[in-house]
Amino acid sequence: MTGRDEIGQDTFLSLAVSSFCMNATLRRPTDRTCERCGRHEQWNAKTESWEIGENAHGSIYCIHEWDINGRFMPIEHNG
């Protein structure tokens, strides 16, 4: 089972994961923005790679600092 969750400006792809001992949802980011140059990218599930957004800007020479940080929790427990 998959679904999309939006939290603030962050968008995540959610995957249901289950095993004999727990039920959890694995969340992966689907959008990211560089905090230094503002470059915006979106995840393309068909090619399994990041793609530059429609209104692309930013610097090709930037060492990107993506807005995914220690507050991002990839595993969400389902009760």
N, C-alpha and C. Protein backbone atom coordinates (compact mmCIF):
# COMPACT_ATOMS: atom_id res chain seq x y z
N MET A 1 0.85 -1.17 0.00
CA MET A 1 0.00 0.00 0.00
C MET A 1 0.90 1.24 0.00
N THR A 2 0.61 2.19 -0.87
CA THR A 2 1.37 3.42 -0.90
C THR A 2 0.43 4.60 -0.78
N GLY A 3 0.95 5.74 -0.39
CA GLY A 3 0.15 6.94 -0.29
C GLY A 3 1.06 8.14 -0.16
N ARG A 4 0.48 9.33 -0.27
CA ARG A 4 1.26 10.55 -0.15
C ARG A 4 0.85 11.27 1.11
N ASP A 5 1.83 11.77 1.85
CA ASP A 5 1.59 12.57 3.04
C ASP A 5 2.24 13.92 2.82
N GLU A 6 1.56 14.99 3.22
CA GLU A 6 2.15 16.31 3.15
C GLU A 6 2.23 16.88 4.54
N ILE A 7 3.45 17.26 4.93
CA ILE A 7 3.70 17.83 6.25
C ILE A 7 4.42 19.14 6.00
N GLY A 8 3.75 20.26 6.24
CA GLY A 8 4.34 21.55 5.94
C GLY A 8 4.59 21.62 4.45
N GLN A 9 5.83 21.91 4.05
CA GLN A 9 6.17 21.97 2.64
C GLN A 9 6.78 20.65 2.17
N ASP A 10 6.97 19.70 3.06
CA ASP A 10 7.59 18.43 2.71
C ASP A 10 6.55 17.44 2.21
N THR A 11 6.89 16.72 1.17
CA THR A 11 6.01 15.69 0.65
C THR A 11 6.77 14.38 0.71
N PHE A 12 6.09 13.31 1.14
CA PHE A 12 6.73 12.03 1.31
C PHE A 12 5.92 10.94 0.66
N LEU A 13 6.60 9.93 0.15
CA LEU A 13 5.95 8.73 -0.35
C LEU A 13 5.95 7.74 0.79
N SER A 14 4.78 7.19 1.11
CA SER A 14 4.66 6.25 2.22
C SER A 14 4.47 4.84 1.69
N LEU A 15 5.19 3.91 2.26
CA LEU A 15 5.07 2.51 1.91
C LEU A 15 4.72 1.74 3.17
N ALA A 16 3.73 0.88 3.10
CA ALA A 16 3.36 0.06 4.26
C ALA A 16 4.34 -1.10 4.35
N VAL A 17 4.90 -1.31 5.53
CA VAL A 17 5.86 -2.38 5.78
C VAL A 17 5.34 -3.18 6.96
N SER A 18 5.30 -4.49 6.83
CA SER A 18 4.85 -5.29 7.96
C SER A 18 5.74 -6.52 8.09
N SER A 19 5.85 -6.99 9.29
CA SER A 19 6.60 -8.21 9.59
C SER A 19 5.89 -8.90 10.74
N PHE A 20 6.43 -10.01 11.20
CA PHE A 20 5.78 -10.74 12.28
C PHE A 20 5.77 -9.98 13.59
N CYS A 21 6.62 -8.98 13.77
CA CYS A 21 6.69 -8.31 15.07
C CYS A 21 6.20 -6.86 15.06
N MET A 22 6.03 -6.22 13.88
CA MET A 22 5.57 -4.85 13.91
C MET A 22 4.96 -4.45 12.58
N ASN A 23 4.12 -3.44 12.63
CA ASN A 23 3.60 -2.79 11.44
C ASN A 23 4.18 -1.39 11.42
N ALA A 24 4.74 -1.00 10.29
CA ALA A 24 5.34 0.31 10.17
C ALA A 24 5.17 0.82 8.75
N THR A 25 5.29 2.13 8.60
CA THR A 25 5.25 2.76 7.29
C THR A 25 6.61 3.38 7.03
N LEU A 26 7.19 3.07 5.88
CA LEU A 26 8.46 3.64 5.47
C LEU A 26 8.17 4.84 4.59
N ARG A 27 8.64 6.00 5.02
CA ARG A 27 8.40 7.24 4.28
C ARG A 27 9.68 7.67 3.59
N ARG A 28 9.56 8.01 2.31
CA ARG A 28 10.70 8.53 1.56
C ARG A 28 10.34 9.89 1.00
N PRO A 29 11.26 10.84 1.00
CA PRO A 29 10.94 12.16 0.44
C PRO A 29 10.69 12.07 -1.06
N THR A 30 9.76 12.88 -1.58
CA THR A 30 9.48 12.95 -3.01
C THR A 30 9.79 14.33 -3.58
N ASP A 31 10.05 15.30 -2.71
CA ASP A 31 10.46 16.65 -3.11
C ASP A 31 11.62 17.06 -2.22
N ARG A 32 12.55 17.83 -2.80
CA ARG A 32 13.63 18.38 -1.97
C ARG A 32 14.08 19.71 -2.56
N THR A 33 14.55 20.58 -1.67
CA THR A 33 15.00 21.91 -2.07
C THR A 33 16.35 22.18 -1.41
N CYS A 34 17.29 22.70 -2.19
CA CYS A 34 18.61 23.04 -1.65
C CYS A 34 18.48 24.29 -0.79
N GLU A 35 19.01 24.23 0.42
CA GLU A 35 18.94 25.37 1.33
C GLU A 35 19.93 26.46 0.96
N ARG A 36 20.90 26.16 0.11
CA ARG A 36 21.91 27.16 -0.28
C ARG A 36 21.50 27.94 -1.52
N CYS A 37 21.10 27.23 -2.60
CA CYS A 37 20.84 27.92 -3.87
C CYS A 37 19.38 27.89 -4.31
N GLY A 38 18.52 27.14 -3.59
CA GLY A 38 17.10 27.11 -3.90
C GLY A 38 16.69 26.13 -4.98
N ARG A 39 17.61 25.31 -5.47
CA ARG A 39 17.28 24.32 -6.49
C ARG A 39 16.21 23.36 -5.95
N HIS A 40 15.16 23.11 -6.76
CA HIS A 40 14.06 22.23 -6.35
C HIS A 40 14.06 21.00 -7.25
N GLU A 41 13.99 19.82 -6.64
CA GLU A 41 13.96 18.57 -7.39
C GLU A 41 12.79 17.71 -6.91
N GLN A 42 12.28 16.86 -7.81
CA GLN A 42 11.20 15.94 -7.48
C GLN A 42 11.64 14.53 -7.86
N TRP A 43 11.17 13.55 -7.10
CA TRP A 43 11.49 12.14 -7.35
C TRP A 43 10.62 11.62 -8.49
N ASN A 44 11.25 10.98 -9.49
CA ASN A 44 10.52 10.34 -10.59
C ASN A 44 10.53 8.85 -10.34
N ALA A 45 9.37 8.27 -10.05
CA ALA A 45 9.29 6.85 -9.71
C ALA A 45 9.58 5.95 -10.91
N LYS A 46 9.28 6.42 -12.12
CA LYS A 46 9.53 5.61 -13.31
C LYS A 46 11.02 5.42 -13.56
N THR A 47 11.78 6.50 -13.46
CA THR A 47 13.23 6.41 -13.71
C THR A 47 14.02 6.16 -12.43
N GLU A 48 13.32 6.22 -11.28
CA GLU A 48 13.94 6.05 -9.97
C GLU A 48 15.13 6.98 -9.79
N SER A 49 14.88 8.28 -10.07
CA SER A 49 15.92 9.29 -9.92
C SER A 49 15.29 10.65 -9.64
N TRP A 50 16.11 11.58 -9.15
CA TRP A 50 15.65 12.94 -8.88
C TRP A 50 15.68 13.72 -10.19
N GLU A 51 14.67 14.60 -10.40
CA GLU A 51 14.60 15.45 -11.58
C GLU A 51 14.40 16.89 -11.14
N ILE A 52 14.95 17.81 -11.92
CA ILE A 52 14.82 19.23 -11.62
C ILE A 52 13.38 19.66 -11.86
N GLY A 53 12.85 20.47 -10.94
CA GLY A 53 11.48 20.95 -11.05
C GLY A 53 11.29 21.87 -12.24
N GLU A 54 10.02 22.17 -12.57
CA GLU A 54 9.69 22.98 -13.73
C GLU A 54 10.32 24.37 -13.69
N ASN A 55 10.24 25.04 -12.57
CA ASN A 55 10.82 26.38 -12.43
C ASN A 55 12.24 26.24 -11.88
N ALA A 56 13.08 25.56 -12.65
CA ALA A 56 14.43 25.24 -12.17
C ALA A 56 15.28 26.50 -12.04
N HIS A 57 15.90 26.60 -10.91
CA HIS A 57 16.92 27.61 -10.70
C HIS A 57 17.91 27.04 -9.70
N GLY A 58 18.91 27.78 -9.38
CA GLY A 58 19.95 27.27 -8.50
C GLY A 58 21.27 27.26 -9.25
N SER A 59 22.26 26.76 -8.63
CA SER A 59 23.60 26.76 -9.21
C SER A 59 24.07 25.34 -9.47
N ILE A 60 24.56 25.10 -10.69
CA ILE A 60 25.09 23.77 -10.99
C ILE A 60 26.39 23.51 -10.24
N TYR A 61 27.02 24.58 -9.74
CA TYR A 61 28.27 24.45 -9.00
C TYR A 61 28.08 24.35 -7.49
N CYS A 62 26.84 24.43 -7.04
CA CYS A 62 26.54 24.37 -5.62
C CYS A 62 26.75 22.95 -5.08
N ILE A 63 27.32 22.85 -3.90
CA ILE A 63 27.35 21.58 -3.17
C ILE A 63 26.06 21.59 -2.36
N HIS A 64 25.03 20.96 -2.91
CA HIS A 64 23.67 21.10 -2.39
C HIS A 64 23.52 20.62 -0.95
N GLU A 65 22.80 21.42 -0.20
CA GLU A 65 22.43 21.11 1.18
C GLU A 65 20.91 20.92 1.17
N TRP A 66 20.48 19.66 1.02
CA TRP A 66 19.05 19.39 0.88
C TRP A 66 18.33 19.60 2.20
N ASP A 67 17.06 19.97 2.13
CA ASP A 67 16.24 20.30 3.30
C ASP A 67 15.73 19.06 4.03
N ILE A 68 16.43 17.96 3.91
CA ILE A 68 16.10 16.73 4.64
C ILE A 68 17.11 16.65 5.78
N ASN A 69 16.64 16.69 7.00
CA ASN A 69 17.55 16.80 8.13
C ASN A 69 17.23 15.78 9.21
N GLY A 70 17.81 15.95 10.35
CA GLY A 70 17.64 15.02 11.47
C GLY A 70 16.22 14.95 12.01
N ARG A 71 15.36 15.90 11.66
CA ARG A 71 13.96 15.85 12.11
C ARG A 71 13.14 14.89 11.26
N PHE A 72 13.64 14.50 10.09
CA PHE A 72 12.91 13.59 9.22
C PHE A 72 12.93 12.19 9.81
N MET A 73 11.74 11.63 10.02
CA MET A 73 11.62 10.29 10.58
C MET A 73 11.14 9.34 9.48
N PRO A 74 12.02 8.49 8.93
CA PRO A 74 11.62 7.64 7.81
C PRO A 74 10.68 6.50 8.18
N ILE A 75 10.67 6.08 9.45
CA ILE A 75 9.83 4.97 9.86
C ILE A 75 8.75 5.48 10.79
N GLU A 76 7.51 5.17 10.43
CA GLU A 76 6.36 5.60 11.21
C GLU A 76 5.66 4.33 11.71
N HIS A 77 5.56 4.17 13.03
CA HIS A 77 4.94 2.97 13.60
C HIS A 77 3.43 3.07 13.55
N ASN A 78 2.78 2.00 13.13
CA ASN A 78 1.32 1.97 12.99
C ASN A 78 0.68 1.19 14.12
N GLY A 79 0.72 1.73 15.30
CA GLY A 79 0.04 1.14 16.44
C GLY A 79 0.59 -0.08 16.97
